[in-house]
N, C-alpha and C. Protein backbone atom coordinates (compact mmCIF):
# COMPACT_ATOMS: atom_id res chain seq x y z
N MET A 1 119.02 112.37 24.01
CA MET A 1 118.09 112.52 25.11
C MET A 1 117.44 111.20 25.48
N MET A 2 117.18 110.35 24.53
CA MET A 2 116.49 109.11 24.83
C MET A 2 117.31 108.24 25.77
N HIS A 3 118.63 108.24 25.60
CA HIS A 3 119.47 107.42 26.47
C HIS A 3 119.32 107.84 27.92
N SER A 4 119.33 109.14 28.18
CA SER A 4 119.20 109.59 29.56
C SER A 4 117.82 109.22 30.11
N SER A 5 116.80 109.23 29.28
CA SER A 5 115.46 108.87 29.72
C SER A 5 115.40 107.39 30.10
N ALA A 6 115.98 106.54 29.29
CA ALA A 6 116.00 105.10 29.59
C ALA A 6 116.79 104.83 30.87
N GLU A 7 117.92 105.49 31.03
CA GLU A 7 118.74 105.30 32.23
C GLU A 7 118.04 105.82 33.47
N LEU A 8 117.34 106.94 33.34
CA LEU A 8 116.58 107.48 34.47
C LEU A 8 115.48 106.51 34.88
N GLN A 9 114.76 105.96 33.91
CA GLN A 9 113.70 105.01 34.22
C GLN A 9 114.26 103.77 34.91
N LYS A 10 115.41 103.28 34.46
CA LYS A 10 116.04 102.13 35.12
C LYS A 10 116.36 102.45 36.58
N SER A 11 116.86 103.64 36.80
CA SER A 11 117.23 104.04 38.16
C SER A 11 116.00 104.19 39.06
N VAL A 12 114.93 104.76 38.53
CA VAL A 12 113.68 104.88 39.29
C VAL A 12 113.12 103.50 39.60
N PHE A 13 113.12 102.62 38.62
CA PHE A 13 112.63 101.25 38.82
C PHE A 13 113.44 100.56 39.92
N LYS A 14 114.75 100.67 39.87
CA LYS A 14 115.60 100.03 40.86
C LYS A 14 115.34 100.61 42.25
N ALA A 15 115.23 101.93 42.35
CA ALA A 15 114.98 102.56 43.64
C ALA A 15 113.67 102.07 44.26
N LEU A 16 112.64 101.95 43.44
CA LEU A 16 111.34 101.53 43.96
C LEU A 16 111.30 100.03 44.25
N SER A 17 111.87 99.23 43.37
CA SER A 17 111.78 97.77 43.53
C SER A 17 112.70 97.23 44.61
N THR A 18 113.64 98.03 45.10
CA THR A 18 114.52 97.59 46.18
C THR A 18 114.17 98.26 47.51
N ASP A 19 113.12 99.05 47.53
CA ASP A 19 112.69 99.70 48.77
C ASP A 19 111.78 98.73 49.54
N ALA A 20 112.23 98.33 50.72
CA ALA A 20 111.50 97.32 51.50
C ALA A 20 110.08 97.76 51.84
N ALA A 21 109.89 99.02 52.19
CA ALA A 21 108.55 99.50 52.57
C ALA A 21 107.60 99.45 51.38
N ILE A 22 108.07 99.88 50.21
CA ILE A 22 107.21 99.87 49.02
C ILE A 22 106.88 98.44 48.61
N VAL A 23 107.87 97.59 48.60
CA VAL A 23 107.65 96.19 48.22
C VAL A 23 106.67 95.54 49.19
N ALA A 24 106.78 95.83 50.48
CA ALA A 24 105.85 95.27 51.47
C ALA A 24 104.43 95.78 51.23
N MET A 25 104.29 97.06 50.94
CA MET A 25 102.96 97.63 50.71
C MET A 25 102.30 97.03 49.46
N LEU A 26 103.11 96.69 48.47
CA LEU A 26 102.59 96.12 47.23
C LEU A 26 102.39 94.60 47.35
N GLY A 27 102.89 94.02 48.42
CA GLY A 27 102.79 92.57 48.57
C GLY A 27 103.78 91.83 47.69
N GLY A 28 104.89 92.47 47.40
CA GLY A 28 105.93 91.89 46.55
C GLY A 28 106.44 92.94 45.58
N PRO A 29 107.45 92.60 44.80
CA PRO A 29 108.04 93.58 43.87
C PRO A 29 107.17 93.74 42.62
N LYS A 30 105.97 94.26 42.81
CA LYS A 30 105.00 94.37 41.71
C LYS A 30 105.05 95.77 41.10
N ILE A 31 106.17 96.01 40.40
CA ILE A 31 106.40 97.28 39.70
C ILE A 31 106.68 96.90 38.25
N PHE A 32 105.82 97.42 37.36
CA PHE A 32 105.87 96.96 35.97
C PHE A 32 105.92 98.12 35.00
N ASP A 33 106.49 97.84 33.83
CA ASP A 33 106.42 98.79 32.71
C ASP A 33 104.99 98.78 32.18
N GLY A 34 104.44 97.60 32.06
CA GLY A 34 103.04 97.38 31.71
C GLY A 34 102.57 96.21 32.54
N ALA A 35 101.44 96.31 33.18
CA ALA A 35 100.99 95.24 34.09
C ALA A 35 100.67 93.96 33.32
N PRO A 36 101.15 92.84 33.82
CA PRO A 36 100.78 91.56 33.20
C PRO A 36 99.31 91.25 33.47
N ASP A 37 98.75 90.34 32.70
CA ASP A 37 97.37 89.92 32.92
C ASP A 37 97.21 89.30 34.31
N ARG A 38 96.12 89.63 34.94
CA ARG A 38 95.71 89.03 36.21
C ARG A 38 96.71 89.22 37.34
N VAL A 39 97.38 90.35 37.38
CA VAL A 39 98.27 90.64 38.51
C VAL A 39 97.40 91.05 39.70
N ALA A 40 97.80 90.63 40.88
CA ALA A 40 97.05 90.94 42.10
C ALA A 40 97.27 92.39 42.50
N PHE A 41 96.22 93.02 43.01
CA PHE A 41 96.31 94.38 43.52
C PHE A 41 96.93 94.35 44.91
N PRO A 42 97.60 95.41 45.34
CA PRO A 42 97.96 96.61 44.59
C PRO A 42 99.25 96.38 43.80
N TYR A 43 99.48 97.26 42.83
CA TYR A 43 100.72 97.22 42.06
C TYR A 43 100.99 98.61 41.50
N LEU A 44 102.17 98.77 40.92
CA LEU A 44 102.62 100.05 40.40
C LEU A 44 103.07 99.88 38.96
N THR A 45 102.70 100.82 38.08
CA THR A 45 103.18 100.77 36.71
C THR A 45 103.91 102.07 36.37
N LEU A 46 104.93 101.94 35.54
CA LEU A 46 105.64 103.09 35.01
C LEU A 46 104.85 103.56 33.81
N GLY A 47 104.45 104.79 33.82
CA GLY A 47 103.60 105.31 32.76
C GLY A 47 104.36 106.15 31.75
N ARG A 48 103.65 107.11 31.24
CA ARG A 48 104.15 107.99 30.20
C ARG A 48 105.43 108.71 30.64
N SER A 49 106.33 108.87 29.71
CA SER A 49 107.58 109.59 29.94
C SER A 49 107.77 110.58 28.80
N THR A 50 107.96 111.83 29.14
CA THR A 50 108.18 112.87 28.14
C THR A 50 109.56 113.47 28.39
N VAL A 51 110.31 113.70 27.32
CA VAL A 51 111.63 114.30 27.43
C VAL A 51 111.69 115.52 26.53
N VAL A 52 112.20 116.62 27.09
CA VAL A 52 112.33 117.87 26.35
C VAL A 52 113.78 118.34 26.47
N ASP A 53 114.34 118.81 25.36
CA ASP A 53 115.69 119.38 25.39
C ASP A 53 115.69 120.59 26.31
N TRP A 54 116.60 120.59 27.25
CA TRP A 54 116.69 121.67 28.22
C TRP A 54 118.09 122.29 28.18
N SER A 55 118.72 122.20 27.02
CA SER A 55 120.08 122.68 26.87
C SER A 55 120.13 124.20 26.86
N THR A 56 121.27 124.71 27.28
CA THR A 56 121.52 126.15 27.21
C THR A 56 122.55 126.38 26.11
N GLY A 57 123.00 127.60 25.96
CA GLY A 57 124.02 127.89 24.97
C GLY A 57 125.35 127.24 25.27
N THR A 58 125.57 126.86 26.52
CA THR A 58 126.86 126.29 26.91
C THR A 58 126.79 124.88 27.48
N GLU A 59 125.61 124.42 27.87
CA GLU A 59 125.50 123.11 28.50
C GLU A 59 124.31 122.33 27.94
N ASP A 60 124.50 121.00 27.83
CA ASP A 60 123.42 120.12 27.39
C ASP A 60 122.61 119.68 28.60
N GLY A 61 121.32 119.45 28.38
CA GLY A 61 120.47 118.97 29.45
C GLY A 61 119.14 118.48 28.91
N ALA A 62 118.43 117.74 29.75
CA ALA A 62 117.12 117.23 29.36
C ALA A 62 116.17 117.33 30.55
N GLU A 63 114.94 117.71 30.26
CA GLU A 63 113.88 117.74 31.26
C GLU A 63 112.99 116.53 31.00
N HIS A 64 112.73 115.77 32.05
CA HIS A 64 111.94 114.54 31.96
C HIS A 64 110.68 114.70 32.79
N ILE A 65 109.56 114.30 32.25
CA ILE A 65 108.32 114.22 33.01
C ILE A 65 107.97 112.73 33.08
N LEU A 66 108.00 112.17 34.28
CA LEU A 66 107.75 110.75 34.50
C LEU A 66 106.42 110.58 35.23
N THR A 67 105.59 109.69 34.74
CA THR A 67 104.31 109.42 35.38
C THR A 67 104.32 108.00 35.91
N LEU A 68 103.94 107.86 37.17
CA LEU A 68 103.82 106.56 37.82
C LEU A 68 102.37 106.36 38.21
N HIS A 69 101.90 105.12 38.09
CA HIS A 69 100.50 104.81 38.40
C HIS A 69 100.45 103.77 39.52
N VAL A 70 99.68 104.06 40.54
CA VAL A 70 99.43 103.12 41.63
C VAL A 70 98.03 102.56 41.42
N TRP A 71 97.92 101.25 41.44
CA TRP A 71 96.63 100.58 41.22
C TRP A 71 96.27 99.80 42.46
N GLY A 72 95.10 100.09 43.01
CA GLY A 72 94.63 99.41 44.21
C GLY A 72 93.19 99.00 44.08
N ARG A 73 92.76 98.13 44.98
CA ARG A 73 91.36 97.71 44.99
C ARG A 73 90.90 97.50 46.42
N GLY A 74 91.28 96.41 47.03
CA GLY A 74 90.74 96.02 48.33
C GLY A 74 91.03 97.00 49.46
N GLY A 75 92.18 97.64 49.43
CA GLY A 75 92.53 98.56 50.51
C GLY A 75 91.93 99.94 50.34
N GLY A 76 91.23 100.15 49.24
CA GLY A 76 90.56 101.42 49.00
C GLY A 76 91.51 102.57 48.76
N LYS A 77 90.94 103.76 48.84
CA LYS A 77 91.71 104.97 48.56
C LYS A 77 92.81 105.17 49.60
N ALA A 78 92.56 104.76 50.85
CA ALA A 78 93.58 104.93 51.90
C ALA A 78 94.85 104.15 51.54
N GLU A 79 94.69 102.93 51.04
CA GLU A 79 95.85 102.13 50.63
C GLU A 79 96.58 102.82 49.47
N THR A 80 95.81 103.32 48.51
CA THR A 80 96.40 104.01 47.37
C THR A 80 97.18 105.24 47.83
N TYR A 81 96.59 106.03 48.72
CA TYR A 81 97.28 107.21 49.26
C TYR A 81 98.57 106.81 49.99
N ALA A 82 98.51 105.75 50.76
CA ALA A 82 99.69 105.32 51.52
C ALA A 82 100.83 104.92 50.59
N ILE A 83 100.51 104.18 49.54
CA ILE A 83 101.54 103.78 48.57
C ILE A 83 102.09 105.01 47.85
N MET A 84 101.19 105.91 47.46
CA MET A 84 101.63 107.14 46.78
C MET A 84 102.58 107.93 47.68
N HIS A 85 102.25 108.01 48.97
CA HIS A 85 103.10 108.75 49.91
C HIS A 85 104.49 108.11 50.00
N GLU A 86 104.53 106.79 50.09
CA GLU A 86 105.80 106.09 50.21
C GLU A 86 106.65 106.28 48.95
N VAL A 87 106.02 106.19 47.77
CA VAL A 87 106.74 106.38 46.51
C VAL A 87 107.27 107.80 46.41
N SER A 88 106.43 108.79 46.73
CA SER A 88 106.89 110.18 46.61
C SER A 88 107.98 110.48 47.64
N THR A 89 107.89 109.89 48.83
CA THR A 89 108.95 110.07 49.83
C THR A 89 110.26 109.50 49.32
N LYS A 90 110.20 108.36 48.66
CA LYS A 90 111.41 107.71 48.13
C LYS A 90 112.04 108.51 46.99
N LEU A 91 111.21 109.09 46.11
CA LEU A 91 111.75 109.71 44.90
C LEU A 91 111.95 111.23 44.97
N HIS A 92 111.12 111.95 45.71
CA HIS A 92 111.21 113.41 45.72
C HIS A 92 112.58 113.84 46.28
N ASP A 93 113.29 114.62 45.51
CA ASP A 93 114.63 115.11 45.85
C ASP A 93 115.67 113.99 46.01
N ALA A 94 115.39 112.82 45.44
CA ALA A 94 116.34 111.71 45.52
C ALA A 94 117.56 111.99 44.65
N HIS A 95 118.66 111.45 45.07
CA HIS A 95 119.91 111.55 44.30
C HIS A 95 120.20 110.17 43.71
N LEU A 96 119.53 109.87 42.61
CA LEU A 96 119.65 108.57 41.99
C LEU A 96 120.78 108.57 40.96
N PRO A 97 121.49 107.45 40.85
CA PRO A 97 122.51 107.35 39.80
C PRO A 97 121.83 107.18 38.44
N VAL A 98 122.31 107.90 37.45
CA VAL A 98 121.81 107.77 36.08
C VAL A 98 123.05 107.60 35.20
N GLU A 99 123.24 106.39 34.72
CA GLU A 99 124.47 106.08 33.98
C GLU A 99 124.73 107.08 32.86
N GLY A 100 125.94 107.65 32.88
CA GLY A 100 126.36 108.60 31.85
C GLY A 100 125.81 110.00 32.03
N HIS A 101 125.05 110.23 33.11
CA HIS A 101 124.41 111.53 33.33
C HIS A 101 124.42 111.90 34.80
N ARG A 102 124.17 113.13 35.06
CA ARG A 102 123.99 113.61 36.43
C ARG A 102 122.54 114.01 36.59
N LEU A 103 121.90 113.49 37.62
CA LEU A 103 120.53 113.89 37.93
C LEU A 103 120.60 115.19 38.72
N VAL A 104 120.18 116.27 38.08
CA VAL A 104 120.23 117.59 38.71
C VAL A 104 119.17 117.69 39.79
N ASN A 105 117.95 117.26 39.47
CA ASN A 105 116.88 117.24 40.47
C ASN A 105 115.79 116.28 40.03
N LEU A 106 114.99 115.88 41.01
CA LEU A 106 113.85 115.00 40.79
C LEU A 106 112.80 115.42 41.80
N GLN A 107 111.69 115.93 41.32
CA GLN A 107 110.69 116.48 42.23
C GLN A 107 109.28 116.09 41.81
N LEU A 108 108.46 115.81 42.82
CA LEU A 108 107.06 115.53 42.59
C LEU A 108 106.37 116.82 42.15
N GLN A 109 105.64 116.75 41.05
CA GLN A 109 104.94 117.91 40.52
C GLN A 109 103.42 117.80 40.66
N PHE A 110 102.89 116.57 40.73
CA PHE A 110 101.44 116.37 40.69
C PHE A 110 101.10 115.02 41.30
N ALA A 111 100.02 114.97 42.06
CA ALA A 111 99.53 113.71 42.61
C ALA A 111 98.00 113.73 42.61
N GLU A 112 97.40 112.60 42.27
CA GLU A 112 95.95 112.49 42.26
C GLU A 112 95.58 111.05 42.58
N ALA A 113 94.53 110.87 43.38
CA ALA A 113 93.99 109.54 43.65
C ALA A 113 92.50 109.59 43.37
N ARG A 114 92.01 108.56 42.68
CA ARG A 114 90.60 108.54 42.32
C ARG A 114 90.13 107.10 42.12
N ARG A 115 88.82 106.94 42.19
CA ARG A 115 88.23 105.65 41.84
C ARG A 115 88.06 105.63 40.32
N GLU A 116 88.42 104.53 39.71
CA GLU A 116 88.24 104.40 38.28
C GLU A 116 86.74 104.28 37.96
N PRO A 117 86.27 104.96 36.92
CA PRO A 117 84.84 104.89 36.57
C PRO A 117 84.39 103.45 36.31
N ASP A 118 83.22 103.13 36.81
CA ASP A 118 82.61 101.81 36.60
C ASP A 118 83.52 100.66 37.01
N SER A 119 84.27 100.85 38.09
CA SER A 119 85.24 99.85 38.51
C SER A 119 85.43 99.93 40.03
N PRO A 120 85.81 98.82 40.65
CA PRO A 120 86.13 98.87 42.09
C PRO A 120 87.58 99.31 42.34
N ASN A 121 88.32 99.61 41.28
CA ASN A 121 89.74 99.93 41.38
C ASN A 121 89.97 101.40 41.73
N PHE A 122 91.05 101.61 42.47
CA PHE A 122 91.52 102.96 42.76
C PHE A 122 92.80 103.20 41.97
N HIS A 123 92.96 104.42 41.52
CA HIS A 123 94.08 104.78 40.64
C HIS A 123 94.78 106.01 41.20
N GLY A 124 96.04 105.84 41.54
CA GLY A 124 96.85 106.96 41.99
C GLY A 124 97.82 107.36 40.89
N ILE A 125 97.95 108.65 40.66
CA ILE A 125 98.84 109.16 39.61
C ILE A 125 99.87 110.07 40.27
N LEU A 126 101.13 109.81 39.98
CA LEU A 126 102.23 110.64 40.48
C LEU A 126 103.03 111.11 39.27
N ARG A 127 103.24 112.39 39.19
CA ARG A 127 104.02 112.94 38.08
C ARG A 127 105.25 113.64 38.66
N PHE A 128 106.42 113.21 38.19
CA PHE A 128 107.68 113.77 38.64
C PHE A 128 108.37 114.50 37.50
N ARG A 129 109.10 115.54 37.85
CA ARG A 129 109.93 116.27 36.90
C ARG A 129 111.38 116.05 37.29
N ALA A 130 112.19 115.68 36.31
CA ALA A 130 113.62 115.48 36.55
C ALA A 130 114.41 116.24 35.50
N VAL A 131 115.57 116.69 35.86
CA VAL A 131 116.50 117.33 34.94
C VAL A 131 117.80 116.56 34.99
N THR A 132 118.33 116.19 33.81
CA THR A 132 119.61 115.48 33.74
C THR A 132 120.57 116.26 32.84
N GLU A 133 121.83 116.05 33.12
CA GLU A 133 122.91 116.60 32.29
C GLU A 133 123.87 115.47 31.96
N PRO A 134 124.39 115.43 30.75
CA PRO A 134 125.38 114.39 30.44
C PRO A 134 126.67 114.65 31.23
N LEU A 135 127.33 113.58 31.61
CA LEU A 135 128.63 113.72 32.28
C LEU A 135 129.66 114.14 31.24
N ALA A 136 130.57 114.97 31.65
CA ALA A 136 131.58 115.49 30.72
C ALA A 136 132.55 114.42 30.29
């Protein structure tokens, strides 16, 4: 299951980092596994990933819960919402290649935008659910 999770994350990263609209909104390809020190806002980080065996009696499969974080400051909540919209438009129901696996579906399950406590930063959270099957 871990291999499919790593391959799915690579595919999501590639889809987002090569999307001209998303890169323009972020002011460059600022999509990180973990944000480097002193990165300029806005940017996107790949967050928590959970994988659960979703196999049946006859077929193998995995359910993935992927969390993406949008971080903004100067553009306020409107900027955060706009980036979240663009990311969810790009990924929801996308048919992304996942090496060695078939992506059965990828759907947005949850979205939230909020101001971080005691901070001028805005934080957008997007949670996607994906199901993969190994290729025969």
